[in-house]
C-alpha atoms as a PDB file:
ATOM      1  CA  MET A   1     215.646 171.670 218.062  1.00  0.00           C
ATOM      2  CA  PHE A   2     213.150 174.104 216.612  1.00  0.00           C
ATOM      3  CA  VAL A   3     210.831 176.233 218.734  1.00  0.00           C
ATOM      4  CA  THR A   4     207.558 177.457 217.225  1.00  0.00           C
ATOM      5  CA  LYS A   5     206.111 180.705 218.580  1.00  0.00           C
ATOM      6  CA  ALA A   6     202.851 182.467 217.725  1.00  0.00           C
ATOM      7  CA  LYS A   7     201.775 186.008 218.471  1.00  0.00           C
ATOM      8  CA  VAL A   8     198.896 186.017 220.946  1.00  0.00           C
ATOM      9  CA  LYS A   9     197.643 189.317 222.401  1.00  0.00           C
ATOM     10  CA  GLY A  10     200.726 191.145 221.116  1.00  0.00           C
ATOM     11  CA  LYS A  11     203.373 188.781 222.536  1.00  0.00           C
ATOM     12  CA  PHE A  12     205.039 185.680 221.121  1.00  0.00           C
ATOM     13  CA  VAL A  13     203.990 182.534 223.007  1.00  0.00           C
ATOM     14  CA  THR A  14     205.762 179.169 222.618  1.00  0.00           C
ATOM     15  CA  LEU A  15     203.629 176.514 220.911  1.00  0.00           C
ATOM     16  CA  GLY A  16     206.103 173.672 221.174  1.00  0.00           C
ATOM     17  CA  THR A  17     209.570 172.285 220.501  1.00  0.00           C
ATOM     18  CA  PHE A  18     210.180 170.058 217.484  1.00  0.00           C
ATOM     19  CA  SER A  19     213.134 168.071 216.168  1.00  0.00           C
ATOM     20  CA  ASN A  20     212.013 168.438 212.541  1.00  0.00           C
ATOM     21  CA  LEU A  21     211.816 171.814 210.775  1.00  0.00           C
ATOM     22  CA  GLY A  22     208.789 170.742 208.724  1.00  0.00           C
ATOM     23  CA  GLN A  23     206.848 169.775 211.860  1.00  0.00           C
ATOM     24  CA  ALA A  24     207.659 173.127 213.451  1.00  0.00           C
ATOM     25  CA  PHE A  25     206.326 175.088 210.461  1.00  0.00           C
ATOM     26  CA  ASN A  26     203.247 172.865 210.166  1.00  0.00           C
ATOM     27  CA  ARG A  27     202.379 173.446 213.841  1.00  0.00           C
ATOM     28  CA  GLY A  28     202.660 177.202 213.402  1.00  0.00           C
ATOM     29  CA  LYS A  29     200.542 177.178 210.253  1.00  0.00           C
ATOM     30  CA  GLN A  30     197.902 174.971 211.898  1.00  0.00           C
ATOM     31  CA  PHE A  31     197.677 177.261 214.938  1.00  0.00           C
ATOM     32  CA  VAL A  32     197.389 180.423 212.842  1.00  0.00           C
ATOM     33  CA  GLU A  33     194.766 178.903 210.537  1.00  0.00           C
ATOM     34  CA  ASN A  34     192.494 177.872 213.446  1.00  0.00           C
ATOM     35  CA  THR A  35     192.773 180.869 215.786  1.00  0.00           C
ATOM     36  CA  ALA A  36     192.480 184.642 215.515  1.00  0.00           C
ATOM     37  CA  SER A  37     196.291 184.921 215.627  1.00  0.00           C
ATOM     38  CA  ALA A  38     197.899 185.728 212.284  1.00  0.00           C
ATOM     39  CA  THR A  39     201.656 185.673 213.009  1.00  0.00           C
ATOM     40  CA  PHE A  40     204.125 182.928 213.909  1.00  0.00           C
ATOM     41  CA  LYS A  41     207.853 182.236 213.716  1.00  0.00           C
ATOM     42  CA  VAL A  42     210.239 179.311 214.105  1.00  0.00           C
ATOM     43  CA  GLU A  43     213.476 179.696 216.061  1.00  0.00           C
ATOM     44  CA  SER A  44     216.529 177.513 216.415  1.00  0.00           C
ATOM     45  CA  GLY A  45     219.099 178.373 219.069  1.00  0.00           C
ATOM     46  CA  GLY A  46     217.613 181.842 219.581  1.00  0.00           C
ATOM     47  CA  THR A  47     217.793 182.825 215.903  1.00  0.00           C
ATOM     48  CA  THR A  48     214.819 182.899 213.558  1.00  0.00           C
ATOM     49  CA  VAL A  49     214.750 180.288 210.784  1.00  0.00           C
ATOM     50  CA  LYS A  50     213.890 181.377 207.238  1.00  0.00           C
ATOM     51  CA  PRO A  51     210.867 179.515 205.823  1.00  0.00           C
ATOM     52  CA  GLN A  52     212.347 178.443 202.492  1.00  0.00           C
ATOM     53  CA  GLY A  53     210.032 175.921 200.858  1.00  0.00           C
ATOM     54  CA  PHE A  54     207.700 175.647 203.864  1.00  0.00           C
ATOM     55  CA  LEU A  55     205.274 178.464 203.147  1.00  0.00           C
ATOM     56  CA  GLY A  56     202.067 177.324 201.567  1.00  0.00           C
ATOM     57  CA  ARG A  57     199.232 179.214 199.997  1.00  0.00           C
ATOM     58  CA  GLY A  58     198.019 182.082 202.141  1.00  0.00           C
ATOM     59  CA  PHE A  59     201.263 182.780 204.034  1.00  0.00           C
ATOM     60  CA  ALA A  60     204.011 185.340 203.451  1.00  0.00           C
ATOM     61  CA  PRO A  61     207.074 186.613 205.308  1.00  0.00           C
ATOM     62  CA  SER A  62     206.375 189.708 207.380  1.00  0.00           C
ATOM     63  CA  LYS A  63     207.824 192.982 206.123  1.00  0.00           C
ATOM     64  CA  SER A  64     207.853 194.726 209.497  1.00  0.00           C
ATOM     65  CA  ASN A  65     208.628 191.853 211.896  1.00  0.00           C
ATOM     66  CA  LYS A  66     211.828 190.156 210.700  1.00  0.00           C
ATOM     67  CA  GLY A  67     211.656 186.379 210.557  1.00  0.00           C
ATOM     68  CA  ALA A  68     207.937 186.216 211.273  1.00  0.00           C
ATOM     69  CA  ILE A  69     205.387 184.642 208.942  1.00  0.00           C
ATOM     70  CA  ILE A  70     201.936 186.154 208.566  1.00  0.00           C
ATOM     71  CA  GLN A  71     198.679 184.773 207.269  1.00  0.00           C
ATOM     72  CA  GLN A  72     197.504 186.945 204.395  1.00  0.00           C
ATOM     73  CA  ARG A  73     194.340 188.935 205.015  1.00  0.00           C
ATOM     74  CA  SER A  74     192.311 187.229 202.317  1.00  0.00           C
ATOM     75  CA  PHE A  75     192.816 183.855 204.057  1.00  0.00           C
ATOM     76  CA  ARG A  76     191.952 184.964 207.619  1.00  0.00           C
ATOM     77  CA  ILE A  77     188.757 184.302 209.566  1.00  0.00           C
ATOM     78  CA  GLN A  78     187.526 181.354 207.553  1.00  0.00           C
ATOM     79  CA  THR A  79     187.478 178.498 210.067  1.00  0.00           C
ATOM     80  CA  GLN A  80     184.890 177.997 212.794  1.00  0.00           C
ATOM     81  CA  GLY A  81     187.507 178.448 215.554  1.00  0.00           C
ATOM     82  CA  GLU A  82     188.479 181.885 214.268  1.00  0.00           C
ATOM     83  CA  LYS A  83     184.853 183.009 214.006  1.00  0.00           C
ATOM     84  CA  ILE A  84     184.081 181.893 217.569  1.00  0.00           C
ATOM     85  CA  GLU A  85     187.164 183.641 218.956  1.00  0.00           C
ATOM     86  CA  ILE A  86     186.378 186.901 217.145  1.00  0.00           C
ATOM     87  CA  SER A  87     182.726 186.974 218.265  1.00  0.00           C
ATOM     88  CA  SER A  88     183.618 186.223 221.886  1.00  0.00           C
ATOM     89  CA  LYS A  89     186.143 189.094 221.848  1.00  0.00           C
ATOM     90  CA  GLY A  90     183.429 191.411 220.544  1.00  0.00           C
ATOM     91  CA  ARG A  91     181.051 190.393 223.325  1.00  0.00           C
ATOM     92  CA  LEU A  92     183.728 190.984 225.974  1.00  0.00           C
ATOM     93  CA  PHE A  93     184.495 194.416 224.518  1.00  0.00           C
ATOM     94  CA  LYS A  94     180.848 195.453 224.667  1.00  0.00           C
ATOM     95  CA  LYS A  95     180.543 194.139 228.217  1.00  0.00           C
ATOM     96  CA  ARG A  96     183.574 196.127 229.399  1.00  0.00           C
ATOM     97  CA  LYS A  97     182.425 199.345 227.721  1.00  0.00           C
ATOM     98  CA  GLY A  98     178.898 199.065 229.121  1.00  0.00           C
ATOM     99  CA  VAL A  99     177.274 198.733 225.716  1.00  0.00           C
ATOM    100  CA  PHE A 100     174.543 196.137 225.848  1.00  0.00           C
ATOM    101  CA  VAL A 101     172.222 195.140 223.067  1.00  0.00           C
ATOM    102  CA  VAL A 102     168.648 194.817 224.269  1.00  0.00           C
ATOM    103  CA  ARG A 103     166.505 192.518 222.186  1.00  0.00           C
ATOM    104  CA  LEU A 104     162.752 192.589 222.576  1.00  0.00           C
END
């Protein structure tokens, strides 16, 4: 059994459990490509699985976080889901800080 986890708001959250290693990596890649998250990893029995042969274009192993896979910067924020998530975070930030844009 392979568990796919993605980093959301600084913590790894479980995306699902898969019996096939390829399905586990595909789920992680799909999640990262369509959200603002950029990091995921696949675990089996508590240990991280190396992504040999499963990394496609735009993904690389993390240098700082062992066993994690990151989406390269040049491939981030391209899908509609990522753009919506980023703009909603910006609006929330402005609302919390008391910075409002007044349009006349």
